Amino acid sequence: VQFKRVSTYYLISVITPLLLLTLLQVLVYFVPLESGEKLGFGITIMLSYTVFLLLLDGILPKSQSTPAIASFITSAMILSTVSLLLTSLIMRFHYAPEGTKMPACARGFFVRFLGRVFCVNGSSSAQVGETPTADAAASESSVRKMADSAPVAKSEWIVASYAIERLMVALGVFATAAIIGHAI
């Protein structure tokens, strides 16, 4: 009696859908935040990985060592989870309430550092991430300061959200390529 492994079956029914699902994972990073579908698309991808892992449980033989395909799916699910957590943070920053002031340490890292690294500018780029001088603040009336601080604060949150989103795109594409490269 001779046994022969049918590799075409696994290539068509397991490997190809898994690679396509991983490529869809990369597309999550390019969905615009304003569309409102970014988080839903990410959750759908993560649920697809979960269903795929459950289906593979019935196909793969039981052994003491973890199969490479299961490690691949687990790595992809971890990447998807991190992506969803960062997307939630980005949405929190992007939709920050009017008048909420960004802490100085967050402004320094997200707006000044990441904003410059990823070339993200606010609508009032000269004001974003910079505090007004004492002379300028003293010359303005308190009503004027209150009216001007809200758009600058909102602009800082938006710049921070876009900077984190671009960082997530860079890291997500790199991590997905690393996961696929490790699997091949």
N, C-alpha and C. Protein backbone atom coordinates (compact mmCIF):
# COMPACT_ATOMS: atom_id res chain seq x y z
N VAL A 1 0.85 -1.16 0.00
CA VAL A 1 0.00 0.00 0.00
C VAL A 1 0.89 1.23 0.00
N GLN A 2 0.63 2.11 -0.95
CA GLN A 2 1.39 3.35 -1.06
C GLN A 2 0.47 4.53 -0.83
N PHE A 3 0.96 5.48 -0.02
CA PHE A 3 0.21 6.70 0.23
C PHE A 3 0.88 7.84 -0.51
N LYS A 4 0.06 8.69 -1.04
CA LYS A 4 0.60 9.85 -1.74
C LYS A 4 -0.14 11.09 -1.25
N ARG A 5 0.64 12.11 -0.88
CA ARG A 5 0.05 13.35 -0.40
C ARG A 5 -0.43 14.18 -1.59
N VAL A 6 -1.64 14.69 -1.49
CA VAL A 6 -2.20 15.52 -2.56
C VAL A 6 -1.92 16.98 -2.17
N SER A 7 -0.81 17.50 -2.65
CA SER A 7 -0.41 18.85 -2.27
C SER A 7 -1.23 19.93 -2.98
N THR A 8 -1.77 19.61 -4.13
CA THR A 8 -2.58 20.58 -4.86
C THR A 8 -3.83 20.96 -4.06
N TYR A 9 -4.41 19.98 -3.38
CA TYR A 9 -5.59 20.24 -2.56
C TYR A 9 -5.27 21.27 -1.48
N TYR A 10 -4.16 21.09 -0.78
CA TYR A 10 -3.79 22.02 0.29
C TYR A 10 -3.41 23.38 -0.27
N LEU A 11 -2.80 23.39 -1.43
CA LEU A 11 -2.42 24.66 -2.05
C LEU A 11 -3.66 25.47 -2.43
N ILE A 12 -4.66 24.80 -2.98
CA ILE A 12 -5.86 25.50 -3.43
C ILE A 12 -6.81 25.82 -2.27
N SER A 13 -6.99 24.92 -1.34
CA SER A 13 -8.00 25.12 -0.30
C SER A 13 -7.47 25.71 1.00
N VAL A 14 -6.16 25.73 1.19
CA VAL A 14 -5.62 26.25 2.45
C VAL A 14 -4.66 27.41 2.22
N ILE A 15 -3.63 27.19 1.46
CA ILE A 15 -2.55 28.18 1.32
C ILE A 15 -3.02 29.42 0.56
N THR A 16 -3.64 29.24 -0.59
CA THR A 16 -4.07 30.39 -1.40
C THR A 16 -5.09 31.27 -0.67
N PRO A 17 -6.15 30.73 -0.07
CA PRO A 17 -7.07 31.61 0.67
C PRO A 17 -6.39 32.31 1.85
N LEU A 18 -5.45 31.63 2.50
CA LEU A 18 -4.76 32.24 3.62
C LEU A 18 -3.87 33.40 3.17
N LEU A 19 -3.19 33.24 2.06
CA LEU A 19 -2.37 34.34 1.53
C LEU A 19 -3.24 35.50 1.07
N LEU A 20 -4.37 35.21 0.45
CA LEU A 20 -5.29 36.27 0.04
C LEU A 20 -5.86 37.01 1.25
N LEU A 21 -6.17 36.29 2.31
CA LEU A 21 -6.66 36.90 3.53
C LEU A 21 -5.59 37.79 4.16
N THR A 22 -4.35 37.36 4.10
CA THR A 22 -3.25 38.16 4.64
C THR A 22 -3.03 39.42 3.81
N LEU A 23 -3.21 39.32 2.50
CA LEU A 23 -3.11 40.52 1.66
C LEU A 23 -4.27 41.48 1.94
N LEU A 24 -5.44 40.93 2.24
CA LEU A 24 -6.56 41.80 2.64
C LEU A 24 -6.26 42.51 3.95
N GLN A 25 -5.49 41.85 4.82
CA GLN A 25 -5.09 42.46 6.09
C GLN A 25 -4.32 43.75 5.83
N VAL A 26 -3.49 43.75 4.80
CA VAL A 26 -2.72 44.95 4.45
C VAL A 26 -3.65 46.06 3.99
N LEU A 27 -4.73 45.72 3.30
CA LEU A 27 -5.66 46.74 2.80
C LEU A 27 -6.39 47.47 3.93
N VAL A 28 -6.45 46.88 5.12
CA VAL A 28 -7.07 47.56 6.26
C VAL A 28 -6.35 48.87 6.53
N TYR A 29 -5.04 48.91 6.33
CA TYR A 29 -4.27 50.11 6.62
C TYR A 29 -4.56 51.24 5.65
N PHE A 30 -5.13 50.95 4.50
CA PHE A 30 -5.37 51.96 3.49
C PHE A 30 -6.82 52.44 3.43
N VAL A 31 -7.69 51.88 4.27
CA VAL A 31 -9.07 52.35 4.33
C VAL A 31 -9.07 53.70 5.04
N PRO A 32 -9.69 54.73 4.45
CA PRO A 32 -9.70 56.04 5.10
C PRO A 32 -10.45 56.00 6.43
N LEU A 33 -9.92 56.72 7.39
CA LEU A 33 -10.53 56.75 8.72
C LEU A 33 -11.91 57.38 8.69
N GLU A 34 -12.10 58.36 7.80
CA GLU A 34 -13.38 59.07 7.72
C GLU A 34 -14.50 58.20 7.19
N SER A 35 -14.18 57.09 6.52
CA SER A 35 -15.23 56.25 5.96
C SER A 35 -16.02 55.52 7.04
N GLY A 36 -15.42 55.31 8.19
CA GLY A 36 -16.12 54.63 9.28
C GLY A 36 -16.10 53.12 9.16
N GLU A 37 -15.45 52.59 8.16
CA GLU A 37 -15.43 51.14 7.93
C GLU A 37 -14.11 50.49 8.29
N LYS A 38 -13.14 51.25 8.73
CA LYS A 38 -11.81 50.72 9.00
C LYS A 38 -11.85 49.68 10.12
N LEU A 39 -12.48 50.00 11.21
CA LEU A 39 -12.55 49.09 12.35
C LEU A 39 -13.38 47.85 12.01
N GLY A 40 -14.49 48.03 11.31
CA GLY A 40 -15.34 46.90 10.92
C GLY A 40 -14.63 45.95 9.97
N PHE A 41 -13.87 46.51 9.04
CA PHE A 41 -13.12 45.68 8.09
C PHE A 41 -12.04 44.89 8.83
N GLY A 42 -11.37 45.52 9.79
CA GLY A 42 -10.35 44.83 10.59
C GLY A 42 -10.93 43.71 11.42
N ILE A 43 -12.09 43.95 12.02
CA ILE A 43 -12.74 42.91 12.82
C ILE A 43 -13.17 41.75 11.94
N THR A 44 -13.64 42.05 10.74
CA THR A 44 -14.04 40.99 9.80
C THR A 44 -12.85 40.12 9.42
N ILE A 45 -11.70 40.76 9.18
CA ILE A 45 -10.49 40.00 8.85
C ILE A 45 -10.08 39.10 10.02
N MET A 46 -10.14 39.66 11.23
CA MET A 46 -9.76 38.87 12.40
C MET A 46 -10.71 37.68 12.61
N LEU A 47 -12.01 37.90 12.41
CA LEU A 47 -12.96 36.79 12.52
C LEU A 47 -12.72 35.75 11.43
N SER A 48 -12.30 36.19 10.26
CA SER A 48 -11.98 35.25 9.18
C SER A 48 -10.80 34.37 9.55
N TYR A 49 -9.79 34.97 10.19
CA TYR A 49 -8.66 34.16 10.66
C TYR A 49 -9.11 33.14 11.70
N THR A 50 -10.01 33.54 12.59
CA THR A 50 -10.49 32.63 13.62
C THR A 50 -11.25 31.46 13.01
N VAL A 51 -12.11 31.75 12.06
CA VAL A 51 -12.85 30.68 11.37
C VAL A 51 -11.89 29.77 10.60
N PHE A 52 -10.91 30.38 9.97
CA PHE A 52 -9.93 29.61 9.21
C PHE A 52 -9.14 28.68 10.13
N LEU A 53 -8.77 29.18 11.31
CA LEU A 53 -8.04 28.35 12.27
C LEU A 53 -8.90 27.19 12.76
N LEU A 54 -10.20 27.44 12.96
CA LEU A 54 -11.11 26.36 13.37
C LEU A 54 -11.27 25.32 12.26
N LEU A 55 -11.33 25.76 11.02
CA LEU A 55 -11.42 24.81 9.90
C LEU A 55 -10.15 23.98 9.78
N LEU A 56 -9.00 24.62 9.98
CA LEU A 56 -7.74 23.89 9.89
C LEU A 56 -7.57 22.87 11.01
N ASP A 57 -8.21 23.12 12.13
CA ASP A 57 -8.12 22.18 13.24
C ASP A 57 -8.64 20.81 12.84
N GLY A 58 -9.66 20.78 12.01
CA GLY A 58 -10.19 19.51 11.54
C GLY A 58 -9.38 18.87 10.43
N ILE A 59 -8.62 19.68 9.69
CA ILE A 59 -7.85 19.17 8.55
C ILE A 59 -6.46 18.69 8.98
N LEU A 60 -5.81 19.46 9.84
CA LEU A 60 -4.43 19.16 10.21
C LEU A 60 -4.36 17.97 11.15
N PRO A 61 -3.34 17.14 10.99
CA PRO A 61 -3.17 16.00 11.90
C PRO A 61 -2.72 16.48 13.28
N LYS A 62 -3.09 15.73 14.30
CA LYS A 62 -2.69 16.06 15.67
C LYS A 62 -1.25 15.61 15.87
N SER A 63 -0.42 16.52 16.40
CA SER A 63 0.97 16.18 16.68
C SER A 63 1.44 16.99 17.87
N GLN A 64 2.63 16.67 18.37
CA GLN A 64 3.15 17.39 19.52
C GLN A 64 3.71 18.76 19.13
N SER A 65 4.19 18.89 17.92
CA SER A 65 4.71 20.19 17.49
C SER A 65 3.62 20.97 16.75
N THR A 66 3.70 22.28 16.84
CA THR A 66 2.72 23.13 16.18
C THR A 66 3.02 23.22 14.69
N PRO A 67 2.05 22.95 13.84
CA PRO A 67 2.29 23.07 12.39
C PRO A 67 2.61 24.52 12.00
N ALA A 68 3.39 24.67 10.96
CA ALA A 68 3.80 26.01 10.51
C ALA A 68 2.60 26.85 10.10
N ILE A 69 1.60 26.24 9.51
CA ILE A 69 0.42 26.98 9.06
C ILE A 69 -0.34 27.54 10.26
N ALA A 70 -0.40 26.79 11.37
CA ALA A 70 -1.07 27.28 12.57
C ALA A 70 -0.28 28.44 13.18
N SER A 71 1.04 28.36 13.15
CA SER A 71 1.87 29.47 13.63
C SER A 71 1.68 30.71 12.77
N PHE A 72 1.54 30.51 11.48
CA PHE A 72 1.31 31.61 10.54
C PHE A 72 -0.01 32.31 10.86
N ILE A 73 -1.06 31.54 11.05
CA ILE A 73 -2.38 32.12 11.34
C ILE A 73 -2.36 32.82 12.70
N THR A 74 -1.70 32.23 13.68
CA THR A 74 -1.61 32.86 14.99
C THR A 74 -0.86 34.19 14.90
N SER A 75 0.23 34.22 14.14
CA SER A 75 0.98 35.48 13.96
C SER A 75 0.11 36.52 13.25
N ALA A 76 -0.63 36.10 12.26
CA ALA A 76 -1.50 37.02 11.54
C ALA A 76 -2.62 37.54 12.44
N MET A 77 -3.14 36.69 13.32
CA MET A 77 -4.18 37.12 14.26
C MET A 77 -3.62 38.12 15.27
N ILE A 78 -2.39 37.92 15.72
CA ILE A 78 -1.76 38.87 16.65
C ILE A 78 -1.58 40.21 15.95
N LEU A 79 -1.12 40.18 14.70
CA LEU A 79 -0.97 41.42 13.93
C LEU A 79 -2.32 42.11 13.74
N SER A 80 -3.35 41.34 13.49
CA SER A 80 -4.69 41.90 13.33
C SER A 80 -5.19 42.52 14.63
N THR A 81 -4.92 41.89 15.76
CA THR A 81 -5.32 42.43 17.06
C THR A 81 -4.61 43.74 17.35
N VAL A 82 -3.30 43.78 17.11
CA VAL A 82 -2.54 45.01 17.32
C VAL A 82 -3.07 46.11 16.40
N SER A 83 -3.38 45.75 15.17
CA SER A 83 -3.93 46.70 14.22
C SER A 83 -5.26 47.28 14.71
N LEU A 84 -6.12 46.44 15.26
CA LEU A 84 -7.40 46.90 15.79
C LEU A 84 -7.22 47.81 17.00
N LEU A 85 -6.28 47.48 17.86
CA LEU A 85 -6.01 48.33 19.03
C LEU A 85 -5.48 49.70 18.60
N LEU A 86 -4.56 49.71 17.65
CA LEU A 86 -4.03 50.99 17.17
C LEU A 86 -5.08 51.78 16.40
N THR A 87 -5.95 51.10 15.68
CA THR A 87 -7.04 51.79 14.98
C THR A 87 -7.98 52.44 15.99
N SER A 88 -8.24 51.77 17.10
CA SER A 88 -9.07 52.38 18.15
C SER A 88 -8.40 53.62 18.72
N LEU A 89 -7.09 53.58 18.92
CA LEU A 89 -6.36 54.74 19.40
C LEU A 89 -6.41 55.88 18.39
N ILE A 90 -6.25 55.54 17.13
CA ILE A 90 -6.31 56.54 16.07
C ILE A 90 -7.69 57.19 16.03
N MET A 91 -8.74 56.39 16.15
CA MET A 91 -10.09 56.94 16.14
C MET A 91 -10.32 57.84 17.35
N ARG A 92 -9.75 57.47 18.49
CA ARG A 92 -9.86 58.31 19.69
C ARG A 92 -9.19 59.66 19.46
N PHE A 93 -8.03 59.64 18.83
CA PHE A 93 -7.32 60.88 18.53
C PHE A 93 -8.06 61.70 17.47
N HIS A 94 -8.50 61.03 16.43
CA HIS A 94 -9.12 61.74 15.30
C HIS A 94 -10.44 62.41 15.70
N TYR A 95 -11.20 61.74 16.53
CA TYR A 95 -12.50 62.26 16.93
C TYR A 95 -12.48 62.81 18.36
N ALA A 96 -11.36 63.40 18.76
CA ALA A 96 -11.25 64.01 20.09
C ALA A 96 -12.25 65.15 20.19
N PRO A 97 -12.87 65.30 21.35
CA PRO A 97 -13.86 66.38 21.51
C PRO A 97 -13.22 67.76 21.33
N GLU A 98 -14.02 68.69 20.83
CA GLU A 98 -13.55 70.06 20.65
C GLU A 98 -13.07 70.62 21.98
N GLY A 99 -11.97 71.35 21.93
CA GLY A 99 -11.45 72.01 23.12
C GLY A 99 -10.59 71.12 24.00
N THR A 100 -10.47 69.83 23.68
CA THR A 100 -9.61 68.95 24.47
C THR A 100 -8.16 69.24 24.10
N LYS A 101 -7.37 69.57 25.11
CA LYS A 101 -5.98 69.92 24.86
C LYS A 101 -5.12 68.67 24.97
N MET A 102 -4.21 68.51 24.01
CA MET A 102 -3.31 67.37 24.01
C MET A 102 -2.20 67.59 25.04
N PRO A 103 -1.88 66.58 25.85
CA PRO A 103 -0.78 66.72 26.80
C PRO A 103 0.54 67.02 26.07
N ALA A 104 1.43 67.73 26.76
CA ALA A 104 2.68 68.17 26.13
C ALA A 104 3.55 67.01 25.67
N CYS A 105 3.61 65.93 26.47
CA CYS A 105 4.45 64.80 26.06
C CYS A 105 3.87 64.12 24.82
N ALA A 106 2.55 63.99 24.75
CA ALA A 106 1.91 63.40 23.57
C ALA A 106 2.10 64.30 22.36
N ARG A 107 1.98 65.62 22.55
CA ARG A 107 2.19 66.56 21.45
C ARG A 107 3.62 66.46 20.93
N GLY A 108 4.57 66.37 21.84
CA GLY A 108 5.96 66.27 21.43
C GLY A 108 6.24 65.02 20.62
N PHE A 109 5.67 63.88 21.05
CA PHE A 109 5.95 62.63 20.33
C PHE A 109 5.11 62.50 19.06
N PHE A 110 3.79 62.63 19.19
CA PHE A 110 2.91 62.36 18.06
C PHE A 110 2.91 63.46 17.01
N VAL A 111 2.88 64.72 17.45
CA VAL A 111 2.76 65.83 16.50
C VAL A 111 4.13 66.26 15.98
N ARG A 112 5.03 66.54 16.91
CA ARG A 112 6.34 67.06 16.47
C ARG A 112 7.22 65.98 15.87
N PHE A 113 7.37 64.84 16.58
CA PHE A 113 8.28 63.81 16.09
C PHE A 113 7.67 63.00 14.95
N LEU A 114 6.58 62.26 15.24
CA LEU A 114 5.96 61.42 14.21
C LEU A 114 5.41 62.25 13.05
N GLY A 115 4.87 63.43 13.36
CA GLY A 115 4.35 64.31 12.30
C GLY A 115 5.43 64.70 11.31
N ARG A 116 6.63 64.98 11.81
CA ARG A 116 7.73 65.33 10.91
C ARG A 116 8.28 64.11 10.18
N VAL A 117 8.39 62.98 10.89
CA VAL A 117 8.92 61.77 10.26
C VAL A 117 8.04 61.33 9.10
N PHE A 118 6.71 61.40 9.28
CA PHE A 118 5.79 60.93 8.26
C PHE A 118 5.17 62.06 7.44
N CYS A 119 5.76 63.25 7.53
CA CYS A 119 5.35 64.41 6.71
C CYS A 119 3.86 64.72 6.84
N VAL A 120 3.37 64.77 8.06
CA VAL A 120 1.97 65.11 8.32
C VAL A 120 1.93 66.53 8.82
N ASN A 121 1.18 67.39 8.14
CA ASN A 121 1.01 68.78 8.55
C ASN A 121 -0.43 69.03 8.87
N GLY A 122 -0.66 69.94 9.80
CA GLY A 122 -2.03 70.33 10.13
C GLY A 122 -2.51 71.40 9.19
N SER A 123 -3.77 71.77 9.36
CA SER A 123 -4.32 72.83 8.53
C SER A 123 -3.66 74.16 8.84
N SER A 124 -3.24 74.35 10.08
CA SER A 124 -2.48 75.54 10.45
C SER A 124 -1.11 75.07 10.91
N SER A 125 -0.26 74.70 9.95
CA SER A 125 0.99 74.03 10.26
C SER A 125 1.94 74.86 11.09
N ALA A 126 1.85 76.17 11.02
CA ALA A 126 2.74 76.99 11.84
C ALA A 126 2.34 76.92 13.30
N GLN A 127 1.07 76.62 13.59
CA GLN A 127 0.61 76.61 14.97
C GLN A 127 0.60 75.21 15.57
N VAL A 128 0.53 74.20 14.75
CA VAL A 128 0.37 72.85 15.27
C VAL A 128 1.64 72.41 15.98
N GLY A 129 1.48 71.98 17.20
CA GLY A 129 2.60 71.46 17.97
C GLY A 129 3.44 72.54 18.62
N GLU A 130 3.13 73.79 18.41
CA GLU A 130 3.90 74.87 19.00
C GLU A 130 3.01 75.64 19.96
N THR A 131 3.58 76.04 21.06
CA THR A 131 2.83 76.85 22.01
C THR A 131 3.07 78.31 21.69
N PRO A 132 2.07 79.15 21.83
CA PRO A 132 2.24 80.55 21.52
C PRO A 132 3.19 81.20 22.53
N THR A 133 3.90 82.22 22.08
CA THR A 133 4.82 82.93 22.96
C THR A 133 4.05 83.76 23.96
N ALA A 134 4.72 84.17 25.03
CA ALA A 134 4.07 84.94 26.09
C ALA A 134 3.62 86.31 25.57
N ASP A 135 4.42 86.93 24.67
CA ASP A 135 4.05 88.23 24.11
C ASP A 135 2.77 88.13 23.28
N ALA A 136 2.70 87.09 22.47
CA ALA A 136 1.53 86.92 21.62
C ALA A 136 0.29 86.62 22.46
N ALA A 137 0.45 85.82 23.49
CA ALA A 137 -0.68 85.47 24.35
C ALA A 137 -1.15 86.67 25.15
N ALA A 138 -0.22 87.50 25.58
CA ALA A 138 -0.59 88.67 26.39
C ALA A 138 -1.32 89.71 25.56
N SER A 139 -0.99 89.80 24.28
CA SER A 139 -1.60 90.83 23.44
C SER A 139 -3.02 90.48 23.00
N GLU A 140 -3.38 89.21 23.05
CA GLU A 140 -4.72 88.80 22.62
C GLU A 140 -5.68 88.85 23.79
N SER A 141 -6.91 89.07 23.49
CA SER A 141 -7.93 89.04 24.55
C SER A 141 -8.26 87.59 24.90
N SER A 142 -8.86 87.38 26.04
CA SER A 142 -9.18 86.01 26.47
C SER A 142 -10.21 85.37 25.55
N VAL A 143 -11.10 86.14 24.99
CA VAL A 143 -12.10 85.60 24.07
C VAL A 143 -11.43 85.10 22.80
N ARG A 144 -10.48 85.86 22.31
CA ARG A 144 -9.76 85.49 21.09
C ARG A 144 -8.96 84.21 21.31
N LYS A 145 -8.33 84.09 22.48
CA LYS A 145 -7.54 82.89 22.78
C LYS A 145 -8.43 81.66 22.83
N MET A 146 -9.59 81.78 23.43
CA MET A 146 -10.50 80.65 23.51
C MET A 146 -10.97 80.23 22.13
N ALA A 147 -11.22 81.17 21.26
CA ALA A 147 -11.70 80.86 19.91
C ALA A 147 -10.60 80.22 19.08
N ASP A 148 -9.36 80.67 19.27
CA ASP A 148 -8.27 80.14 18.46
C ASP A 148 -7.72 78.82 18.98
N SER A 149 -7.86 78.54 20.27
CA SER A 149 -7.24 77.34 20.82
C SER A 149 -7.97 76.06 20.40
N ALA A 150 -9.27 76.12 20.19
CA ALA A 150 -10.01 74.92 19.82
C ALA A 150 -9.60 74.38 18.46
N PRO A 151 -9.49 75.20 17.38
CA PRO A 151 -9.05 74.63 16.11
C PRO A 151 -7.63 74.11 16.17
N VAL A 152 -6.74 74.80 16.90
CA VAL A 152 -5.36 74.32 17.00
C VAL A 152 -5.33 73.00 17.73
N ALA A 153 -6.09 72.89 18.84
CA ALA A 153 -6.13 71.64 19.59
C ALA A 153 -6.71 70.52 18.73
N LYS A 154 -7.78 70.81 18.01
CA LYS A 154 -8.38 69.80 17.14
C LYS A 154 -7.40 69.40 16.05
N SER A 155 -6.69 70.38 15.51
CA SER A 155 -5.72 70.10 14.47
C SER A 155 -4.57 69.23 14.99
N GLU A 156 -4.17 69.44 16.24
CA GLU A 156 -3.12 68.61 16.83
C GLU A 156 -3.57 67.16 16.93
N TRP A 157 -4.81 66.94 17.35
CA TRP A 157 -5.33 65.57 17.45
C TRP A 157 -5.39 64.90 16.09
N ILE A 158 -5.79 65.65 15.07
CA ILE A 158 -5.88 65.08 13.72
C ILE A 158 -4.49 64.77 13.18
N VAL A 159 -3.53 65.68 13.39
CA VAL A 159 -2.15 65.42 12.96
C VAL A 159 -1.62 64.17 13.65
N ALA A 160 -1.88 64.04 14.96
CA ALA A 160 -1.43 62.86 15.70
C ALA A 160 -2.07 61.60 15.16
N SER A 161 -3.37 61.66 14.82
CA SER A 161 -4.04 60.46 14.30
C SER A 161 -3.48 60.06 12.95
N TYR A 162 -3.22 61.02 12.07
CA TYR A 162 -2.64 60.68 10.76
C TYR A 162 -1.21 60.19 10.89
N ALA A 163 -0.45 60.74 11.83
CA ALA A 163 0.92 60.28 12.03
C ALA A 163 0.94 58.84 12.52
N ILE A 164 0.06 58.51 13.48
CA ILE A 164 -0.02 57.13 13.97
C ILE A 164 -0.50 56.20 12.87
N GLU A 165 -1.44 56.67 12.06
CA GLU A 165 -1.95 55.84 10.97
C GLU A 165 -0.85 55.53 9.96
N ARG A 166 -0.04 56.51 9.63
CA ARG A 166 1.07 56.26 8.69
C ARG A 166 2.13 55.34 9.31
N LEU A 167 2.37 55.48 10.61
CA LEU A 167 3.28 54.57 11.28
C LEU A 167 2.72 53.15 11.23
N MET A 168 1.41 53.02 11.44
CA MET A 168 0.76 51.72 11.40
C MET A 168 0.83 51.11 10.00
N VAL A 169 0.70 51.91 8.97
CA VAL A 169 0.83 51.41 7.60
C VAL A 169 2.22 50.85 7.38
N ALA A 170 3.23 51.61 7.78
CA ALA A 170 4.61 51.18 7.57
C ALA A 170 4.90 49.89 8.35
N LEU A 171 4.54 49.87 9.62
CA LEU A 171 4.80 48.68 10.43
C LEU A 171 3.94 47.50 10.00
N GLY A 172 2.70 47.76 9.62
CA GLY A 172 1.81 46.68 9.20
C GLY A 172 2.25 46.01 7.92
N VAL A 173 2.66 46.80 6.94
CA VAL A 173 3.14 46.23 5.68
C VAL A 173 4.43 45.44 5.93
N PHE A 174 5.32 46.00 6.75
CA PHE A 174 6.58 45.31 7.06
C PHE A 174 6.30 44.00 7.80
N ALA A 175 5.42 44.03 8.81
CA ALA A 175 5.12 42.83 9.60
C ALA A 175 4.42 41.77 8.73
N THR A 176 3.52 42.19 7.86
CA THR A 176 2.86 41.23 6.99
C THR A 176 3.84 40.59 6.03
N ALA A 177 4.74 41.39 5.47
CA ALA A 177 5.79 40.84 4.59
C ALA A 177 6.68 39.87 5.35
N ALA A 178 7.00 40.19 6.59
CA ALA A 178 7.83 39.31 7.40
C ALA A 178 7.11 38.00 7.70
N ILE A 179 5.81 38.06 8.00
CA ILE A 179 5.04 36.85 8.28
C ILE A 179 4.96 35.96 7.05
N ILE A 180 4.68 36.58 5.89
CA ILE A 180 4.58 35.81 4.64
C ILE A 180 5.96 35.26 4.28
N GLY A 181 7.00 36.07 4.43
CA GLY A 181 8.35 35.61 4.11
C GLY A 181 8.79 34.47 5.01
N HIS A 182 8.41 34.51 6.28
CA HIS A 182 8.77 33.43 7.21
C HIS A 182 8.03 32.14 6.86
N ALA A 183 6.80 32.28 6.38
CA ALA A 183 6.00 31.10 6.05
C ALA A 183 6.50 30.41 4.78
N ILE A 184 7.04 31.21 3.86
CA ILE A 184 7.49 30.64 2.59
C ILE A 184 8.86 30.12 2.78
